[in-house]
Amino acid sequence: MGGGKTVLHHQSHVTLRMVPHARTLRKAREQIKWMVIDGASPRRIKNYLHLWARWWANTSDTWHYLEILQQFIDVCWDQTVTTFATVLAHIYFNKLHTETSSLLAAAA
């Protein structure tokens, strides 16, 4: 009704850089820590972390799988938990690199 600009007009078009909330990261970190203490298999721990990161990547419009894992690694102080996340990040990165190389070879 009145004059003036909408709220959208006043907002800049700069992409906001959001990071996972500390509670989100702490909950996953504690879950993995307890899985290690309880003697869960490394495969089960990596699967939990993979599903957690994938869920957040699919839920968020701005987060990507590797970014979420990196945020998780950055806040971990337990070396065992950090190792699981680092291994998972390397596996994902290598898979991504292999798929990209295959696509480039097929296109050539």
PDB file of N, CA and C in Angstrom:
ATOM      1  N   MET A   1       0.812  -1.181   0.000  1.00  0.00           N
ATOM      2  CA  MET A   1       0.000   0.000   0.000  1.00  0.00           C
ATOM      3  C   MET A   1       0.864   1.256   0.000  1.00  0.00           C
ATOM      4  N   GLY A   2       1.591   1.529   0.973  1.00  0.00           N
ATOM      5  CA  GLY A   2       2.346   2.772   1.042  1.00  0.00           C
ATOM      6  C   GLY A   2       3.506   2.769   0.087  1.00  0.00           C
ATOM      7  N   GLY A   3       4.195   3.879   0.027  1.00  0.00           N
ATOM      8  CA  GLY A   3       5.373   3.969  -0.829  1.00  0.00           C
ATOM      9  C   GLY A   3       6.546   3.260  -0.192  1.00  0.00           C
ATOM     10  N   GLY A   4       7.674   3.492  -0.741  1.00  0.00           N
ATOM     11  CA  GLY A   4       8.875   2.877  -0.176  1.00  0.00           C
ATOM     12  C   GLY A   4       9.229   1.592  -0.887  1.00  0.00           C
ATOM     13  N   LYS A   5      10.311   1.063  -0.493  1.00  0.00           N
ATOM     14  CA  LYS A   5      10.826  -0.143  -1.128  1.00  0.00           C
ATOM     15  C   LYS A   5      10.588  -1.357  -0.246  1.00  0.00           C
ATOM     16  N   THR A   6      10.534  -2.499  -0.866  1.00  0.00           N
ATOM     17  CA  THR A   6      10.346  -3.730  -0.103  1.00  0.00           C
ATOM     18  C   THR A   6      11.639  -4.078   0.625  1.00  0.00           C
ATOM     19  N   VAL A   7      11.522  -4.998   1.548  1.00  0.00           N
ATOM     20  CA  VAL A   7      12.690  -5.438   2.299  1.00  0.00           C
ATOM     21  C   VAL A   7      13.732  -6.019   1.353  1.00  0.00           C
ATOM     22  N   LEU A   8      13.289  -6.743   0.347  1.00  0.00           N
ATOM     23  CA  LEU A   8      14.213  -7.338  -0.608  1.00  0.00           C
ATOM     24  C   LEU A   8      15.037  -6.284  -1.335  1.00  0.00           C
ATOM     25  N   HIS A   9      14.450  -5.112  -1.553  1.00  0.00           N
ATOM     26  CA  HIS A   9      15.164  -4.039  -2.214  1.00  0.00           C
ATOM     27  C   HIS A   9      16.317  -3.532  -1.367  1.00  0.00           C
ATOM     28  N   HIS A  10      16.142  -3.585  -0.060  1.00  0.00           N
ATOM     29  CA  HIS A  10      17.155  -3.061   0.850  1.00  0.00           C
ATOM     30  C   HIS A  10      18.291  -4.047   1.100  1.00  0.00           C
ATOM     31  N   GLN A  11      18.067  -5.297   0.832  1.00  0.00           N
ATOM     32  CA  GLN A  11      19.100  -6.298   1.067  1.00  0.00           C
ATOM     33  C   GLN A  11      20.061  -6.329  -0.104  1.00  0.00           C
ATOM     34  N   SER A  12      21.321  -6.494   0.223  1.00  0.00           N
ATOM     35  CA  SER A  12      22.289  -6.593  -0.863  1.00  0.00           C
ATOM     36  C   SER A  12      22.233  -8.009  -1.432  1.00  0.00           C
ATOM     37  N   HIS A  13      22.757  -8.168  -2.587  1.00  0.00           N
ATOM     38  CA  HIS A  13      22.722  -9.460  -3.256  1.00  0.00           C
ATOM     39  C   HIS A  13      23.995 -10.268  -2.990  1.00  0.00           C
ATOM     40  N   VAL A  14      24.653  -9.978  -1.894  1.00  0.00           N
ATOM     41  CA  VAL A  14      25.856 -10.704  -1.523  1.00  0.00           C
ATOM     42  C   VAL A  14      25.440 -12.010  -0.847  1.00  0.00           C
ATOM     43  N   THR A  15      26.065 -13.101  -1.250  1.00  0.00           N
ATOM     44  CA  THR A  15      25.765 -14.398  -0.660  1.00  0.00           C
ATOM     45  C   THR A  15      26.282 -14.426   0.773  1.00  0.00           C
ATOM     46  N   LEU A  16      25.422 -14.818   1.688  1.00  0.00           N
ATOM     47  CA  LEU A  16      25.825 -14.926   3.077  1.00  0.00           C
ATOM     48  C   LEU A  16      26.659 -16.183   3.265  1.00  0.00           C
ATOM     49  N   ARG A  17      27.674 -16.089   4.058  1.00  0.00           N
ATOM     50  CA  ARG A  17      28.526 -17.242   4.344  1.00  0.00           C
ATOM     51  C   ARG A  17      28.121 -17.799   5.695  1.00  0.00           C
ATOM     52  N   MET A  18      27.350 -18.860   5.662  1.00  0.00           N
ATOM     53  CA  MET A  18      26.858 -19.458   6.888  1.00  0.00           C
ATOM     54  C   MET A  18      27.714 -20.667   7.240  1.00  0.00           C
ATOM     55  N   VAL A  19      27.881 -20.871   8.512  1.00  0.00           N
ATOM     56  CA  VAL A  19      28.601 -22.048   8.985  1.00  0.00           C
ATOM     57  C   VAL A  19      27.674 -22.823   9.910  1.00  0.00           C
ATOM     58  N   PRO A  20      27.901 -24.114  10.045  1.00  0.00           N
ATOM     59  CA  PRO A  20      27.061 -24.901  10.962  1.00  0.00           C
ATOM     60  C   PRO A  20      27.159 -24.360  12.383  1.00  0.00           C
ATOM     61  N   HIS A  21      26.059 -24.396  13.084  1.00  0.00           N
ATOM     62  CA  HIS A  21      26.027 -23.944  14.466  1.00  0.00           C
ATOM     63  C   HIS A  21      26.925 -24.835  15.315  1.00  0.00           C
ATOM     64  N   ALA A  22      27.529 -24.260  16.327  1.00  0.00           N
ATOM     65  CA  ALA A  22      28.442 -25.005  17.197  1.00  0.00           C
ATOM     66  C   ALA A  22      27.770 -26.231  17.811  1.00  0.00           C
ATOM     67  N   ARG A  23      26.482 -26.107  18.145  1.00  0.00           N
ATOM     68  CA  ARG A  23      25.755 -27.243  18.719  1.00  0.00           C
ATOM     69  C   ARG A  23      25.637 -28.401  17.740  1.00  0.00           C
ATOM     70  N   THR A  24      25.439 -28.086  16.471  1.00  0.00           N
ATOM     71  CA  THR A  24      25.326 -29.099  15.429  1.00  0.00           C
ATOM     72  C   THR A  24      26.621 -29.897  15.336  1.00  0.00           C
ATOM     73  N   LEU A  25      27.729 -29.174  15.310  1.00  0.00           N
ATOM     74  CA  LEU A  25      29.032 -29.822  15.218  1.00  0.00           C
ATOM     75  C   LEU A  25      29.356 -30.588  16.498  1.00  0.00           C
ATOM     76  N   ARG A  26      29.032 -30.011  17.640  1.00  0.00           N
ATOM     77  CA  ARG A  26      29.315 -30.673  18.925  1.00  0.00           C
ATOM     78  C   ARG A  26      28.529 -31.970  19.059  1.00  0.00           C
ATOM     79  N   LYS A  27      27.266 -31.953  18.636  1.00  0.00           N
ATOM     80  CA  LYS A  27      26.439 -33.161  18.747  1.00  0.00           C
ATOM     81  C   LYS A  27      27.040 -34.294  17.920  1.00  0.00           C
ATOM     82  N   ALA A  28      27.453 -34.008  16.693  1.00  0.00           N
ATOM     83  CA  ALA A  28      28.063 -35.035  15.843  1.00  0.00           C
ATOM     84  C   ALA A  28      29.396 -35.494  16.430  1.00  0.00           C
ATOM     85  N   ARG A  29      30.171 -34.542  16.929  1.00  0.00           N
ATOM     86  CA  ARG A  29      31.474 -34.878  17.519  1.00  0.00           C
ATOM     87  C   ARG A  29      31.300 -35.796  18.727  1.00  0.00           C
ATOM     88  N   GLU A  30      30.346 -35.483  19.577  1.00  0.00           N
ATOM     89  CA  GLU A  30      30.086 -36.307  20.757  1.00  0.00           C
ATOM     90  C   GLU A  30      29.555 -37.683  20.364  1.00  0.00           C
ATOM     91  N   GLN A  31      28.705 -37.730  19.361  1.00  0.00           N
ATOM     92  CA  GLN A  31      28.163 -39.010  18.899  1.00  0.00           C
ATOM     93  C   GLN A  31      29.291 -39.925  18.436  1.00  0.00           C
ATOM     94  N   ILE A  32      30.209 -39.379  17.653  1.00  0.00           N
ATOM     95  CA  ILE A  32      31.320 -40.181  17.149  1.00  0.00           C
ATOM     96  C   ILE A  32      32.253 -40.572  18.283  1.00  0.00           C
ATOM     97  N   LYS A  33      32.486 -39.650  19.220  1.00  0.00           N
ATOM     98  CA  LYS A  33      33.337 -39.967  20.362  1.00  0.00           C
ATOM     99  C   LYS A  33      32.770 -41.160  21.140  1.00  0.00           C
ATOM    100  N   TRP A  34      31.453 -41.164  21.358  1.00  0.00           N
ATOM    101  CA  TRP A  34      30.827 -42.267  22.089  1.00  0.00           C
ATOM    102  C   TRP A  34      30.814 -43.556  21.273  1.00  0.00           C
ATOM    103  N   MET A  35      30.709 -43.435  19.958  1.00  0.00           N
ATOM    104  CA  MET A  35      30.787 -44.625  19.114  1.00  0.00           C
ATOM    105  C   MET A  35      32.173 -45.265  19.229  1.00  0.00           C
ATOM    106  N   VAL A  36      33.213 -44.429  19.275  1.00  0.00           N
ATOM    107  CA  VAL A  36      34.576 -44.930  19.439  1.00  0.00           C
ATOM    108  C   VAL A  36      34.716 -45.606  20.797  1.00  0.00           C
ATOM    109  N   ILE A  37      34.228 -44.953  21.856  1.00  0.00           N
ATOM    110  CA  ILE A  37      34.309 -45.500  23.208  1.00  0.00           C
ATOM    111  C   ILE A  37      33.565 -46.831  23.303  1.00  0.00           C
ATOM    112  N   ASP A  38      32.404 -46.916  22.646  1.00  0.00           N
ATOM    113  CA  ASP A  38      31.594 -48.139  22.690  1.00  0.00           C
ATOM    114  C   ASP A  38      32.140 -49.247  21.792  1.00  0.00           C
ATOM    115  N   GLY A  39      33.174 -48.943  21.015  1.00  0.00           N
ATOM    116  CA  GLY A  39      33.792 -49.963  20.178  1.00  0.00           C
ATOM    117  C   GLY A  39      33.102 -50.202  18.853  1.00  0.00           C
ATOM    118  N   ALA A  40      32.400 -49.201  18.350  1.00  0.00           N
ATOM    119  CA  ALA A  40      31.761 -49.345  17.041  1.00  0.00           C
ATOM    120  C   ALA A  40      32.845 -49.513  15.974  1.00  0.00           C
ATOM    121  N   SER A  41      32.496 -50.199  14.922  1.00  0.00           N
ATOM    122  CA  SER A  41      33.469 -50.441  13.853  1.00  0.00           C
ATOM    123  C   SER A  41      33.776 -49.130  13.126  1.00  0.00           C
ATOM    124  N   PRO A  42      34.999 -49.025  12.599  1.00  0.00           N
ATOM    125  CA  PRO A  42      35.340 -47.821  11.822  1.00  0.00           C
ATOM    126  C   PRO A  42      34.376 -47.593  10.654  1.00  0.00           C
ATOM    127  N   ARG A  43      33.922 -48.675  10.036  1.00  0.00           N
ATOM    128  CA  ARG A  43      32.976 -48.544   8.915  1.00  0.00           C
ATOM    129  C   ARG A  43      31.675 -47.895   9.374  1.00  0.00           C
ATOM    130  N   ARG A  44      31.177 -48.314  10.540  1.00  0.00           N
ATOM    131  CA  ARG A  44      29.934 -47.749  11.068  1.00  0.00           C
ATOM    132  C   ARG A  44      30.109 -46.272  11.435  1.00  0.00           C
ATOM    133  N   ILE A  45      31.262 -45.937  11.988  1.00  0.00           N
ATOM    134  CA  ILE A  45      31.536 -44.546  12.363  1.00  0.00           C
ATOM    135  C   ILE A  45      31.615 -43.674  11.114  1.00  0.00           C
ATOM    136  N   LYS A  46      32.351 -44.147  10.088  1.00  0.00           N
ATOM    137  CA  LYS A  46      32.443 -43.375   8.846  1.00  0.00           C
ATOM    138  C   LYS A  46      31.078 -43.244   8.185  1.00  0.00           C
ATOM    139  N   ASN A  47      30.275 -44.299   8.260  1.00  0.00           N
ATOM    140  CA  ASN A  47      28.936 -44.248   7.678  1.00  0.00           C
ATOM    141  C   ASN A  47      28.073 -43.204   8.388  1.00  0.00           C
ATOM    142  N   TYR A  48      28.144 -43.174   9.709  1.00  0.00           N
ATOM    143  CA  TYR A  48      27.388 -42.168  10.461  1.00  0.00           C
ATOM    144  C   TYR A  48      27.816 -40.766  10.041  1.00  0.00           C
ATOM    145  N   LEU A  49      29.117 -40.529  10.007  1.00  0.00           N
ATOM    146  CA  LEU A  49      29.621 -39.200   9.659  1.00  0.00           C
ATOM    147  C   LEU A  49      29.263 -38.832   8.220  1.00  0.00           C
ATOM    148  N   HIS A  50      29.340 -39.798   7.324  1.00  0.00           N
ATOM    149  CA  HIS A  50      28.967 -39.565   5.925  1.00  0.00           C
ATOM    150  C   HIS A  50      27.491 -39.170   5.812  1.00  0.00           C
ATOM    151  N   LEU A  51      26.624 -39.926   6.470  1.00  0.00           N
ATOM    152  CA  LEU A  51      25.191 -39.619   6.421  1.00  0.00           C
ATOM    153  C   LEU A  51      24.886 -38.268   7.054  1.00  0.00           C
ATOM    154  N   TRP A  52      25.570 -37.959   8.143  1.00  0.00           N
ATOM    155  CA  TRP A  52      25.387 -36.658   8.812  1.00  0.00           C
ATOM    156  C   TRP A  52      25.770 -35.512   7.874  1.00  0.00           C
ATOM    157  N   ALA A  53      26.955 -35.610   7.267  1.00  0.00           N
ATOM    158  CA  ALA A  53      27.422 -34.543   6.367  1.00  0.00           C
ATOM    159  C   ALA A  53      26.546 -34.444   5.125  1.00  0.00           C
ATOM    160  N   ARG A  54      26.148 -35.586   4.590  1.00  0.00           N
ATOM    161  CA  ARG A  54      25.285 -35.579   3.400  1.00  0.00           C
ATOM    162  C   ARG A  54      23.927 -34.956   3.712  1.00  0.00           C
ATOM    163  N   TRP A  55      23.377 -35.268   4.884  1.00  0.00           N
ATOM    164  CA  TRP A  55      22.085 -34.693   5.257  1.00  0.00           C
ATOM    165  C   TRP A  55      22.175 -33.175   5.344  1.00  0.00           C
ATOM    166  N   TRP A  56      23.218 -32.671   5.984  1.00  0.00           N
ATOM    167  CA  TRP A  56      23.367 -31.219   6.087  1.00  0.00           C
ATOM    168  C   TRP A  56      23.624 -30.581   4.728  1.00  0.00           C
ATOM    169  N   ALA A  57      24.382 -31.240   3.877  1.00  0.00           N
ATOM    170  CA  ALA A  57      24.638 -30.700   2.540  1.00  0.00           C
ATOM    171  C   ALA A  57      23.354 -30.650   1.718  1.00  0.00           C
ATOM    172  N   ASN A  58      22.516 -31.682   1.852  1.00  0.00           N
ATOM    173  CA  ASN A  58      21.252 -31.703   1.114  1.00  0.00           C
ATOM    174  C   ASN A  58      20.227 -30.745   1.702  1.00  0.00           C
ATOM    175  N   THR A  59      20.301 -30.492   2.989  1.00  0.00           N
ATOM    176  CA  THR A  59      19.344 -29.620   3.663  1.00  0.00           C
ATOM    177  C   THR A  59      19.644 -28.150   3.396  1.00  0.00           C
ATOM    178  N   SER A  60      20.902 -27.823   3.306  1.00  0.00           N
ATOM    179  CA  SER A  60      21.325 -26.435   3.146  1.00  0.00           C
ATOM    180  C   SER A  60      21.532 -26.093   1.677  1.00  0.00           C
ATOM    181  N   ASP A  61      21.194 -24.871   1.329  1.00  0.00           N
ATOM    182  CA  ASP A  61      21.445 -24.400  -0.031  1.00  0.00           C
ATOM    183  C   ASP A  61      22.873 -23.890  -0.193  1.00  0.00           C
ATOM    184  N   THR A  62      23.549 -23.619   0.918  1.00  0.00           N
ATOM    185  CA  THR A  62      24.872 -22.999   0.824  1.00  0.00           C
ATOM    186  C   THR A  62      26.016 -23.915   1.218  1.00  0.00           C
ATOM    187  N   TRP A  63      25.766 -24.979   1.935  1.00  0.00           N
ATOM    188  CA  TRP A  63      26.836 -25.861   2.390  1.00  0.00           C
ATOM    189  C   TRP A  63      27.049 -27.000   1.416  1.00  0.00           C
ATOM    190  N   HIS A  64      28.290 -27.357   1.248  1.00  0.00           N
ATOM    191  CA  HIS A  64      28.654 -28.501   0.433  1.00  0.00           C
ATOM    192  C   HIS A  64      29.272 -29.562   1.337  1.00  0.00           C
ATOM    193  N   TYR A  65      29.231 -30.778   0.883  1.00  0.00           N
ATOM    194  CA  TYR A  65      29.681 -31.930   1.670  1.00  0.00           C
ATOM    195  C   TYR A  65      31.077 -31.723   2.256  1.00  0.00           C
ATOM    196  N   LEU A  66      32.043 -31.379   1.413  1.00  0.00           N
ATOM    197  CA  LEU A  66      33.411 -31.201   1.893  1.00  0.00           C
ATOM    198  C   LEU A  66      33.536 -30.019   2.844  1.00  0.00           C
ATOM    199  N   GLU A  67      32.768 -28.970   2.619  1.00  0.00           N
ATOM    200  CA  GLU A  67      32.806 -27.815   3.524  1.00  0.00           C
ATOM    201  C   GLU A  67      32.311 -28.185   4.915  1.00  0.00           C
ATOM    202  N   ILE A  68      31.275 -28.984   4.971  1.00  0.00           N
ATOM    203  CA  ILE A  68      30.747 -29.402   6.266  1.00  0.00           C
ATOM    204  C   ILE A  68      31.759 -30.277   6.986  1.00  0.00           C
ATOM    205  N   LEU A  69      32.369 -31.206   6.256  1.00  0.00           N
ATOM    206  CA  LEU A  69      33.408 -32.030   6.871  1.00  0.00           C
ATOM    207  C   LEU A  69      34.571 -31.171   7.353  1.00  0.00           C
ATOM    208  N   GLN A  70      34.960 -30.159   6.580  1.00  0.00           N
ATOM    209  CA  GLN A  70      36.059 -29.289   6.988  1.00  0.00           C
ATOM    210  C   GLN A  70      35.693 -28.497   8.237  1.00  0.00           C
ATOM    211  N   GLN A  71      34.466 -28.005   8.306  1.00  0.00           N
ATOM    212  CA  GLN A  71      34.011 -27.308   9.519  1.00  0.00           C
ATOM    213  C   GLN A  71      34.090 -28.245  10.721  1.00  0.00           C
ATOM    214  N   PHE A  72      33.680 -29.485  10.519  1.00  0.00           N
ATOM    215  CA  PHE A  72      33.717 -30.487  11.576  1.00  0.00           C
ATOM    216  C   PHE A  72      35.165 -30.725  12.023  1.00  0.00           C
ATOM    217  N   ILE A  73      36.059 -30.898  11.061  1.00  0.00           N
ATOM    218  CA  ILE A  73      37.472 -31.130  11.369  1.00  0.00           C
ATOM    219  C   ILE A  73      38.060 -29.939  12.120  1.00  0.00           C
ATOM    220  N   ASP A  74      37.695 -28.736  11.712  1.00  0.00           N
ATOM    221  CA  ASP A  74      38.238 -27.522  12.336  1.00  0.00           C
ATOM    222  C   ASP A  74      37.890 -27.401  13.814  1.00  0.00           C
ATOM    223  N   VAL A  75      36.765 -27.964  14.233  1.00  0.00           N
ATOM    224  CA  VAL A  75      36.359 -27.827  15.641  1.00  0.00           C
ATOM    225  C   VAL A  75      36.668 -29.066  16.479  1.00  0.00           C
ATOM    226  N   CYS A  76      37.245 -30.088  15.868  1.00  0.00           N
ATOM    227  CA  CYS A  76      37.576 -31.313  16.612  1.00  0.00           C
ATOM    228  C   CYS A  76      38.920 -31.162  17.302  1.00  0.00           C
ATOM    229  N   TRP A  77      38.970 -31.572  18.539  1.00  0.00           N
ATOM    230  CA  TRP A  77      40.247 -31.621  19.242  1.00  0.00           C
ATOM    231  C   TRP A  77      40.628 -33.052  19.582  1.00  0.00           C
ATOM    232  N   ASP A  78      39.706 -33.980  19.399  1.00  0.00           N
ATOM    233  CA  ASP A  78      39.978 -35.398  19.616  1.00  0.00           C
ATOM    234  C   ASP A  78      40.562 -35.957  18.322  1.00  0.00           C
ATOM    235  N   GLN A  79      41.805 -36.427  18.381  1.00  0.00           N
ATOM    236  CA  GLN A  79      42.510 -36.884  17.186  1.00  0.00           C
ATOM    237  C   GLN A  79      41.809 -38.053  16.503  1.00  0.00           C
ATOM    238  N   THR A  80      41.228 -38.959  17.263  1.00  0.00           N
ATOM    239  CA  THR A  80      40.554 -40.115  16.674  1.00  0.00           C
ATOM    240  C   THR A  80      39.353 -39.680  15.854  1.00  0.00           C
ATOM    241  N   VAL A  81      38.556 -38.779  16.404  1.00  0.00           N
ATOM    242  CA  VAL A  81      37.372 -38.278  15.702  1.00  0.00           C
ATOM    243  C   VAL A  81      37.801 -37.502  14.460  1.00  0.00           C
ATOM    244  N   THR A  82      38.823 -36.689  14.587  1.00  0.00           N
ATOM    245  CA  THR A  82      39.332 -35.915  13.447  1.00  0.00           C
ATOM    246  C   THR A  82      39.816 -36.842  12.334  1.00  0.00           C
ATOM    247  N   THR A  83      40.459 -37.941  12.711  1.00  0.00           N
ATOM    248  CA  THR A  83      40.964 -38.886  11.721  1.00  0.00           C
ATOM    249  C   THR A  83      39.839 -39.475  10.883  1.00  0.00           C
ATOM    250  N   PHE A  84      38.726 -39.835  11.525  1.00  0.00           N
ATOM    251  CA  PHE A  84      37.588 -40.376  10.769  1.00  0.00           C
ATOM    252  C   PHE A  84      37.084 -39.352   9.749  1.00  0.00           C
ATOM    253  N   ALA A  85      36.956 -38.110  10.160  1.00  0.00           N
ATOM    254  CA  ALA A  85      36.464 -37.077   9.251  1.00  0.00           C
ATOM    255  C   ALA A  85      37.463 -36.803   8.129  1.00  0.00           C
ATOM    256  N   THR A  86      38.744 -36.815   8.448  1.00  0.00           N
ATOM    257  CA  THR A  86      39.774 -36.569   7.438  1.00  0.00           C
ATOM    258  C   THR A  86      39.805 -37.689   6.403  1.00  0.00           C
ATOM    259  N   VAL A  87      39.719 -38.923   6.856  1.00  0.00           N
ATOM    260  CA  VAL A  87      39.689 -40.069   5.930  1.00  0.00           C
ATOM    261  C   VAL A  87      38.470 -39.963   5.017  1.00  0.00           C
ATOM    262  N   LEU A  88      37.331 -39.632   5.590  1.00  0.00           N
ATOM    263  CA  LEU A  88      36.109 -39.505   4.805  1.00  0.00           C
ATOM    264  C   LEU A  88      36.232 -38.389   3.771  1.00  0.00           C
ATOM    265  N   ALA A  89      36.823 -37.265   4.153  1.00  0.00           N
ATOM    266  CA  ALA A  89      37.020 -36.156   3.216  1.00  0.00           C
ATOM    267  C   ALA A  89      37.940 -36.577   2.072  1.00  0.00           C
ATOM    268  N   HIS A  90      39.004 -37.323   2.376  1.00  0.00           N
ATOM    269  CA  HIS A  90      39.917 -37.798   1.332  1.00  0.00           C
ATOM    270  C   HIS A  90      39.219 -38.775   0.392  1.00  0.00           C
ATOM    271  N   ILE A  91      38.421 -39.661   0.939  1.00  0.00           N
ATOM    272  CA  ILE A  91      37.682 -40.616   0.100  1.00  0.00           C
ATOM    273  C   ILE A  91      36.749 -39.862  -0.850  1.00  0.00           C
ATOM    274  N   TYR A  92      36.022 -38.895  -0.318  1.00  0.00           N
ATOM    275  CA  TYR A  92      35.089 -38.127  -1.145  1.00  0.00           C
ATOM    276  C   TYR A  92      35.840 -37.333  -2.209  1.00  0.00           C
ATOM    277  N   PHE A  93      36.937 -36.681  -1.803  1.00  0.00           N
ATOM    278  CA  PHE A  93      37.712 -35.879  -2.742  1.00  0.00           C
ATOM    279  C   PHE A  93      38.275 -36.741  -3.861  1.00  0.00           C
ATOM    280  N   ASN A  94      38.822 -37.915  -3.511  1.00  0.00           N
ATOM    281  CA  ASN A  94      39.365 -38.818  -4.532  1.00  0.00           C
ATOM    282  C   ASN A  94      38.278 -39.320  -5.478  1.00  0.00           C
ATOM    283  N   LYS A  95      37.107 -39.615  -4.923  1.00  0.00           N
ATOM    284  CA  LYS A  95      35.984 -40.056  -5.756  1.00  0.00           C
ATOM    285  C   LYS A  95      35.572 -38.949  -6.721  1.00  0.00           C
ATOM    286  N   LEU A  96      35.489 -37.731  -6.218  1.00  0.00           N
ATOM    287  CA  LEU A  96      35.130 -36.582  -7.040  1.00  0.00           C
ATOM    288  C   LEU A  96      36.169 -36.362  -8.138  1.00  0.00           C
ATOM    289  N   HIS A  97      37.444 -36.472  -7.778  1.00  0.00           N
ATOM    290  CA  HIS A  97      38.526 -36.294  -8.742  1.00  0.00           C
ATOM    291  C   HIS A  97      38.473 -37.375  -9.820  1.00  0.00           C
ATOM    292  N   THR A  98      38.228 -38.609  -9.426  1.00  0.00           N
ATOM    293  CA  THR A  98      38.151 -39.728 -10.373  1.00  0.00           C
ATOM    294  C   THR A  98      36.979 -39.541 -11.336  1.00  0.00           C
ATOM    295  N   GLU A  99      35.820 -39.137 -10.797  1.00  0.00           N
ATOM    296  CA  GLU A  99      34.647 -38.929 -11.651  1.00  0.00           C
ATOM    297  C   GLU A  99      34.879 -37.791 -12.627  1.00  0.00           C
ATOM    298  N   THR A 100      35.510 -36.715 -12.169  1.00  0.00           N
ATOM    299  CA  THR A 100      35.799 -35.579 -13.040  1.00  0.00           C
ATOM    300  C   THR A 100      36.760 -35.978 -14.139  1.00  0.00           C
ATOM    301  N   SER A 101      37.796 -36.743 -13.777  1.00  0.00           N
ATOM    302  CA  SER A 101      38.771 -37.201 -14.784  1.00  0.00           C
ATOM    303  C   SER A 101      38.100 -38.104 -15.824  1.00  0.00           C
ATOM    304  N   SER A 102      37.186 -38.954 -15.378  1.00  0.00           N
ATOM    305  CA  SER A 102      36.485 -39.839 -16.297  1.00  0.00           C
ATOM    306  C   SER A 102      35.607 -39.044 -17.254  1.00  0.00           C
ATOM    307  N   LEU A 103      34.947 -38.013 -16.739  1.00  0.00           N
ATOM    308  CA  LEU A 103      34.106 -37.182 -17.605  1.00  0.00           C
ATOM    309  C   LEU A 103      34.939 -36.433 -18.620  1.00  0.00           C
ATOM    310  N   LEU A 104      36.099 -35.923 -18.204  1.00  0.00           N
ATOM    311  CA  LEU A 104      36.966 -35.202 -19.126  1.00  0.00           C
ATOM    312  C   LEU A 104      37.527 -36.131 -20.198  1.00  0.00           C
ATOM    313  N   ALA A 105      37.871 -37.354 -19.801  1.00  0.00           N
ATOM    314  CA  ALA A 105      38.391 -38.331 -20.777  1.00  0.00           C
ATOM    315  C   ALA A 105      37.313 -38.728 -21.777  1.00  0.00           C
ATOM    316  N   ALA A 106      36.077 -38.867 -21.301  1.00  0.00           N
ATOM    317  CA  ALA A 106      34.972 -39.239 -22.182  1.00  0.00           C
ATOM    318  C   ALA A 106      34.636 -38.098 -23.153  1.00  0.00           C
ATOM    319  N   ALA A 107      34.810 -36.871 -22.716  1.00  0.00           N
ATOM    320  CA  ALA A 107      34.487 -35.718 -23.548  1.00  0.00           C
ATOM    321  C   ALA A 107      35.563 -35.494 -24.614  1.00  0.00           C
ATOM    322  N   ALA A 108      36.761 -35.995 -24.392  1.00  0.00           N
ATOM    323  CA  ALA A 108      37.861 -35.748 -25.331  1.00  0.00           C
ATOM    324  C   ALA A 108      37.815 -36.624 -26.548  1.00  0.00           C
TER     325      ALA A 108
END
